[in-house]
Amino acid sequence: MSEDFFHALASPYRREIIKLLKWKNMNAGEIAEHFDISQPSISRHLDVLKHAEIVTSERKGNQIIYSLNLSVMQEMYIKLSELLSFGGDEKVNETK
């Protein structure tokens, strides 16, 4: 999951989509209104975010609504916090 997560964050477009979905669930058309790229490009970015489990989708009538998967975001935040913590951890490799 970590590799997919970081791959998904590599794109500035996908990071902006995450920021948008932080405030409101949206369909692909609503998301596309915020960008100067094609609807198919937005859909590809959403597919990458879904594959990384950062975004979930739910069909409502004839629309697919995208939302941020907060549990994955929280899990990765915890993993990053543990990775970057500097207090009391044993040294893994000491260079002489």
N, C-alpha and C. Protein backbone atom coordinates (compact mmCIF):
# COMPACT_ATOMS: atom_id res chain seq x y z
N MET A 1 0.83 -1.20 0.00
CA MET A 1 0.00 0.00 0.00
C MET A 1 0.87 1.26 0.00
N SER A 2 1.97 1.27 0.69
CA SER A 2 2.79 2.47 0.79
C SER A 2 3.30 2.94 -0.56
N GLU A 3 3.77 2.00 -1.40
CA GLU A 3 4.28 2.40 -2.72
C GLU A 3 3.18 3.04 -3.56
N ASP A 4 2.00 2.44 -3.57
CA ASP A 4 0.88 3.01 -4.32
C ASP A 4 0.51 4.38 -3.77
N PHE A 5 0.54 4.49 -2.45
CA PHE A 5 0.19 5.75 -1.79
C PHE A 5 1.13 6.86 -2.25
N PHE A 6 2.44 6.61 -2.17
CA PHE A 6 3.40 7.65 -2.53
C PHE A 6 3.41 7.91 -4.04
N HIS A 7 3.18 6.88 -4.84
CA HIS A 7 3.06 7.09 -6.29
C HIS A 7 1.87 8.02 -6.57
N ALA A 8 0.77 7.80 -5.88
CA ALA A 8 -0.42 8.64 -6.09
C ALA A 8 -0.15 10.09 -5.70
N LEU A 9 0.65 10.30 -4.67
CA LEU A 9 0.94 11.66 -4.23
C LEU A 9 1.96 12.37 -5.11
N ALA A 10 2.60 11.64 -6.01
CA ALA A 10 3.65 12.23 -6.85
C ALA A 10 3.12 13.29 -7.82
N SER A 11 1.87 13.20 -8.17
CA SER A 11 1.29 14.14 -9.14
C SER A 11 0.67 15.35 -8.44
N PRO A 12 1.02 16.56 -8.89
CA PRO A 12 0.38 17.75 -8.30
C PRO A 12 -1.12 17.77 -8.54
N TYR A 13 -1.57 17.21 -9.67
CA TYR A 13 -3.02 17.16 -9.93
C TYR A 13 -3.71 16.29 -8.87
N ARG A 14 -3.12 15.14 -8.57
CA ARG A 14 -3.74 14.25 -7.59
C ARG A 14 -3.71 14.86 -6.19
N ARG A 15 -2.65 15.58 -5.88
CA ARG A 15 -2.62 16.26 -4.57
C ARG A 15 -3.72 17.32 -4.49
N GLU A 16 -3.97 18.02 -5.58
CA GLU A 16 -5.05 19.01 -5.59
C GLU A 16 -6.42 18.35 -5.50
N ILE A 17 -6.59 17.21 -6.14
CA ILE A 17 -7.85 16.47 -6.02
C ILE A 17 -8.09 16.07 -4.57
N ILE A 18 -7.05 15.62 -3.90
CA ILE A 18 -7.16 15.26 -2.48
C ILE A 18 -7.61 16.47 -1.67
N LYS A 19 -7.01 17.63 -1.94
CA LYS A 19 -7.39 18.85 -1.22
C LYS A 19 -8.87 19.18 -1.45
N LEU A 20 -9.34 19.03 -2.69
CA LEU A 20 -10.74 19.31 -2.98
C LEU A 20 -11.66 18.36 -2.22
N LEU A 21 -11.31 17.08 -2.23
CA LEU A 21 -12.17 16.07 -1.60
C LEU A 21 -12.11 16.14 -0.07
N LYS A 22 -11.13 16.84 0.43
CA LYS A 22 -11.04 17.03 1.88
C LYS A 22 -12.26 17.82 2.38
N TRP A 23 -12.79 18.69 1.52
CA TRP A 23 -13.88 19.56 1.93
C TRP A 23 -15.25 19.08 1.48
N LYS A 24 -15.29 18.31 0.38
CA LYS A 24 -16.60 17.96 -0.18
C LYS A 24 -16.47 16.75 -1.09
N ASN A 25 -17.40 15.82 -0.99
CA ASN A 25 -17.47 14.71 -1.95
C ASN A 25 -17.94 15.27 -3.28
N MET A 26 -17.37 14.78 -4.38
CA MET A 26 -17.68 15.33 -5.70
C MET A 26 -17.72 14.24 -6.76
N ASN A 27 -18.41 14.55 -7.86
CA ASN A 27 -18.32 13.67 -9.02
C ASN A 27 -17.16 14.15 -9.90
N ALA A 28 -16.82 13.37 -10.91
CA ALA A 28 -15.66 13.70 -11.75
C ALA A 28 -15.82 15.05 -12.46
N GLY A 29 -17.03 15.36 -12.88
CA GLY A 29 -17.28 16.64 -13.54
C GLY A 29 -17.02 17.82 -12.63
N GLU A 30 -17.46 17.71 -11.38
CA GLU A 30 -17.22 18.79 -10.42
C GLU A 30 -15.73 18.96 -10.16
N ILE A 31 -15.03 17.84 -10.06
CA ILE A 31 -13.58 17.91 -9.85
C ILE A 31 -12.91 18.55 -11.06
N ALA A 32 -13.32 18.15 -12.26
CA ALA A 32 -12.72 18.65 -13.50
C ALA A 32 -12.87 20.16 -13.65
N GLU A 33 -13.93 20.74 -13.09
CA GLU A 33 -14.14 22.19 -13.17
C GLU A 33 -13.00 22.99 -12.55
N HIS A 34 -12.23 22.36 -11.68
CA HIS A 34 -11.14 23.05 -10.98
C HIS A 34 -9.80 22.94 -11.71
N PHE A 35 -9.78 22.29 -12.87
CA PHE A 35 -8.52 22.04 -13.57
C PHE A 35 -8.64 22.40 -15.05
N ASP A 36 -7.49 22.64 -15.66
CA ASP A 36 -7.42 22.91 -17.10
C ASP A 36 -6.94 21.68 -17.85
N ILE A 37 -7.41 20.50 -17.44
CA ILE A 37 -7.08 19.27 -18.14
C ILE A 37 -8.39 18.56 -18.48
N SER A 38 -8.31 17.59 -19.37
CA SER A 38 -9.52 16.93 -19.87
C SER A 38 -10.17 16.04 -18.81
N GLN A 39 -11.45 15.79 -19.02
CA GLN A 39 -12.20 14.88 -18.15
C GLN A 39 -11.56 13.49 -18.12
N PRO A 40 -11.12 12.93 -19.27
CA PRO A 40 -10.46 11.62 -19.21
C PRO A 40 -9.18 11.64 -18.36
N SER A 41 -8.44 12.75 -18.40
CA SER A 41 -7.25 12.86 -17.55
C SER A 41 -7.62 12.86 -16.08
N ILE A 42 -8.69 13.57 -15.74
CA ILE A 42 -9.17 13.57 -14.35
C ILE A 42 -9.55 12.15 -13.95
N SER A 43 -10.24 11.45 -14.83
CA SER A 43 -10.64 10.07 -14.53
C SER A 43 -9.44 9.17 -14.29
N ARG A 44 -8.38 9.35 -15.08
CA ARG A 44 -7.16 8.55 -14.87
C ARG A 44 -6.54 8.86 -13.51
N HIS A 45 -6.50 10.14 -13.16
CA HIS A 45 -5.96 10.52 -11.85
C HIS A 45 -6.81 9.92 -10.72
N LEU A 46 -8.12 9.94 -10.89
CA LEU A 46 -9.00 9.35 -9.89
C LEU A 46 -8.78 7.84 -9.78
N ASP A 47 -8.53 7.18 -10.90
CA ASP A 47 -8.24 5.74 -10.87
C ASP A 47 -6.98 5.44 -10.07
N VAL A 48 -5.95 6.27 -10.24
CA VAL A 48 -4.71 6.08 -9.47
C VAL A 48 -4.99 6.27 -7.98
N LEU A 49 -5.76 7.29 -7.65
CA LEU A 49 -6.10 7.54 -6.24
C LEU A 49 -6.94 6.41 -5.66
N LYS A 50 -7.84 5.86 -6.46
CA LYS A 50 -8.65 4.72 -6.00
C LYS A 50 -7.78 3.49 -5.81
N HIS A 51 -6.86 3.24 -6.74
CA HIS A 51 -5.97 2.08 -6.63
C HIS A 51 -5.13 2.16 -5.35
N ALA A 52 -4.74 3.37 -4.97
CA ALA A 52 -3.96 3.57 -3.74
C ALA A 52 -4.86 3.61 -2.50
N GLU A 53 -6.16 3.48 -2.71
CA GLU A 53 -7.16 3.50 -1.64
C GLU A 53 -7.23 4.84 -0.91
N ILE A 54 -6.76 5.89 -1.56
CA ILE A 54 -6.84 7.24 -0.99
C ILE A 54 -8.24 7.80 -1.21
N VAL A 55 -8.86 7.40 -2.32
CA VAL A 55 -10.19 7.86 -2.69
C VAL A 55 -11.10 6.65 -2.86
N THR A 56 -12.34 6.80 -2.45
CA THR A 56 -13.34 5.77 -2.69
C THR A 56 -14.41 6.35 -3.61
N SER A 57 -15.17 5.47 -4.23
CA SER A 57 -16.24 5.94 -5.12
C SER A 57 -17.52 5.18 -4.80
N GLU A 58 -18.63 5.87 -5.01
CA GLU A 58 -19.94 5.27 -4.78
C GLU A 58 -20.89 5.76 -5.86
N ARG A 59 -21.59 4.82 -6.48
CA ARG A 59 -22.56 5.20 -7.51
C ARG A 59 -23.83 5.69 -6.83
N LYS A 60 -24.27 6.89 -7.26
CA LYS A 60 -25.54 7.45 -6.81
C LYS A 60 -26.32 7.85 -8.05
N GLY A 61 -27.28 7.02 -8.41
CA GLY A 61 -28.03 7.25 -9.64
C GLY A 61 -27.11 7.06 -10.83
N ASN A 62 -27.01 8.09 -11.67
CA ASN A 62 -26.15 8.00 -12.85
C ASN A 62 -24.78 8.64 -12.63
N GLN A 63 -24.47 8.98 -11.40
CA GLN A 63 -23.20 9.62 -11.08
C GLN A 63 -22.35 8.74 -10.19
N ILE A 64 -21.04 8.93 -10.28
CA ILE A 64 -20.11 8.30 -9.34
C ILE A 64 -19.56 9.42 -8.47
N ILE A 65 -19.75 9.28 -7.18
CA ILE A 65 -19.31 10.29 -6.23
C ILE A 65 -18.01 9.81 -5.59
N TYR A 66 -17.02 10.69 -5.60
CA TYR A 66 -15.70 10.38 -5.03
C TYR A 66 -15.56 11.04 -3.68
N SER A 67 -14.94 10.32 -2.76
CA SER A 67 -14.69 10.87 -1.43
C SER A 67 -13.32 10.42 -0.95
N LEU A 68 -12.80 11.18 -0.01
CA LEU A 68 -11.49 10.89 0.56
C LEU A 68 -11.62 9.76 1.57
N ASN A 69 -10.72 8.80 1.50
CA ASN A 69 -10.71 7.67 2.44
C ASN A 69 -9.86 8.09 3.64
N LEU A 70 -10.51 8.65 4.64
CA LEU A 70 -9.79 9.21 5.78
C LEU A 70 -9.02 8.17 6.57
N SER A 71 -9.50 6.94 6.62
CA SER A 71 -8.79 5.92 7.40
C SER A 71 -7.41 5.63 6.80
N VAL A 72 -7.30 5.60 5.47
CA VAL A 72 -6.00 5.38 4.84
C VAL A 72 -5.10 6.59 5.07
N MET A 73 -5.65 7.78 4.96
CA MET A 73 -4.86 8.99 5.19
C MET A 73 -4.33 9.02 6.62
N GLN A 74 -5.17 8.65 7.58
CA GLN A 74 -4.73 8.62 8.98
C GLN A 74 -3.67 7.55 9.20
N GLU A 75 -3.85 6.39 8.59
CA GLU A 75 -2.88 5.30 8.72
C GLU A 75 -1.51 5.72 8.19
N MET A 76 -1.49 6.37 7.03
CA MET A 76 -0.22 6.81 6.45
C MET A 76 0.39 7.94 7.27
N TYR A 77 -0.43 8.79 7.83
CA TYR A 77 0.07 9.86 8.70
C TYR A 77 0.78 9.26 9.91
N ILE A 78 0.18 8.23 10.50
CA ILE A 78 0.79 7.56 11.65
C ILE A 78 2.11 6.91 11.25
N LYS A 79 2.12 6.21 10.11
CA LYS A 79 3.36 5.57 9.65
C LYS A 79 4.45 6.59 9.40
N LEU A 80 4.11 7.71 8.79
CA LEU A 80 5.10 8.76 8.55
C LEU A 80 5.59 9.37 9.85
N SER A 81 4.69 9.58 10.79
CA SER A 81 5.09 10.13 12.09
C SER A 81 6.06 9.21 12.80
N GLU A 82 5.79 7.90 12.74
CA GLU A 82 6.69 6.93 13.36
C GLU A 82 8.04 6.93 12.65
N LEU A 83 8.02 7.00 11.35
CA LEU A 83 9.25 6.99 10.56
C LEU A 83 10.11 8.21 10.86
N LEU A 84 9.47 9.35 11.03
CA LEU A 84 10.20 10.60 11.20
C LEU A 84 10.44 11.00 12.65
N SER A 85 9.96 10.19 13.60
CA SER A 85 10.17 10.55 15.00
C SER A 85 11.64 10.41 15.34
N PHE A 86 12.14 11.31 16.16
CA PHE A 86 13.56 11.34 16.48
C PHE A 86 13.85 10.98 17.93
N GLY A 87 12.86 10.81 18.74
CA GLY A 87 13.11 10.59 20.16
C GLY A 87 13.15 9.14 20.56
N GLY A 88 14.25 8.69 21.18
CA GLY A 88 14.32 7.40 21.83
C GLY A 88 14.45 6.19 20.94
N ASP A 89 14.53 6.35 19.65
CA ASP A 89 14.65 5.19 18.77
C ASP A 89 16.08 4.69 18.74
N GLU A 90 16.22 3.38 18.60
CA GLU A 90 17.55 2.80 18.48
C GLU A 90 18.13 3.19 17.13
N LYS A 91 19.44 3.35 17.10
CA LYS A 91 20.10 3.66 15.84
C LYS A 91 20.14 2.41 14.98
N VAL A 92 19.73 2.54 13.74
CA VAL A 92 19.68 1.39 12.85
C VAL A 92 21.05 1.12 12.26
N ASN A 93 21.74 2.15 11.86
CA ASN A 93 23.04 1.99 11.22
C ASN A 93 23.91 3.17 11.62
N GLU A 94 25.03 2.91 12.22
CA GLU A 94 25.90 3.98 12.66
C GLU A 94 27.13 4.01 11.77
N THR A 95 27.42 5.16 11.21
CA THR A 95 28.58 5.32 10.34
C THR A 95 29.76 5.81 11.15
N LYS A 96 30.93 5.20 10.93
CA LYS A 96 32.14 5.63 11.66
C LYS A 96 32.92 6.62 10.86
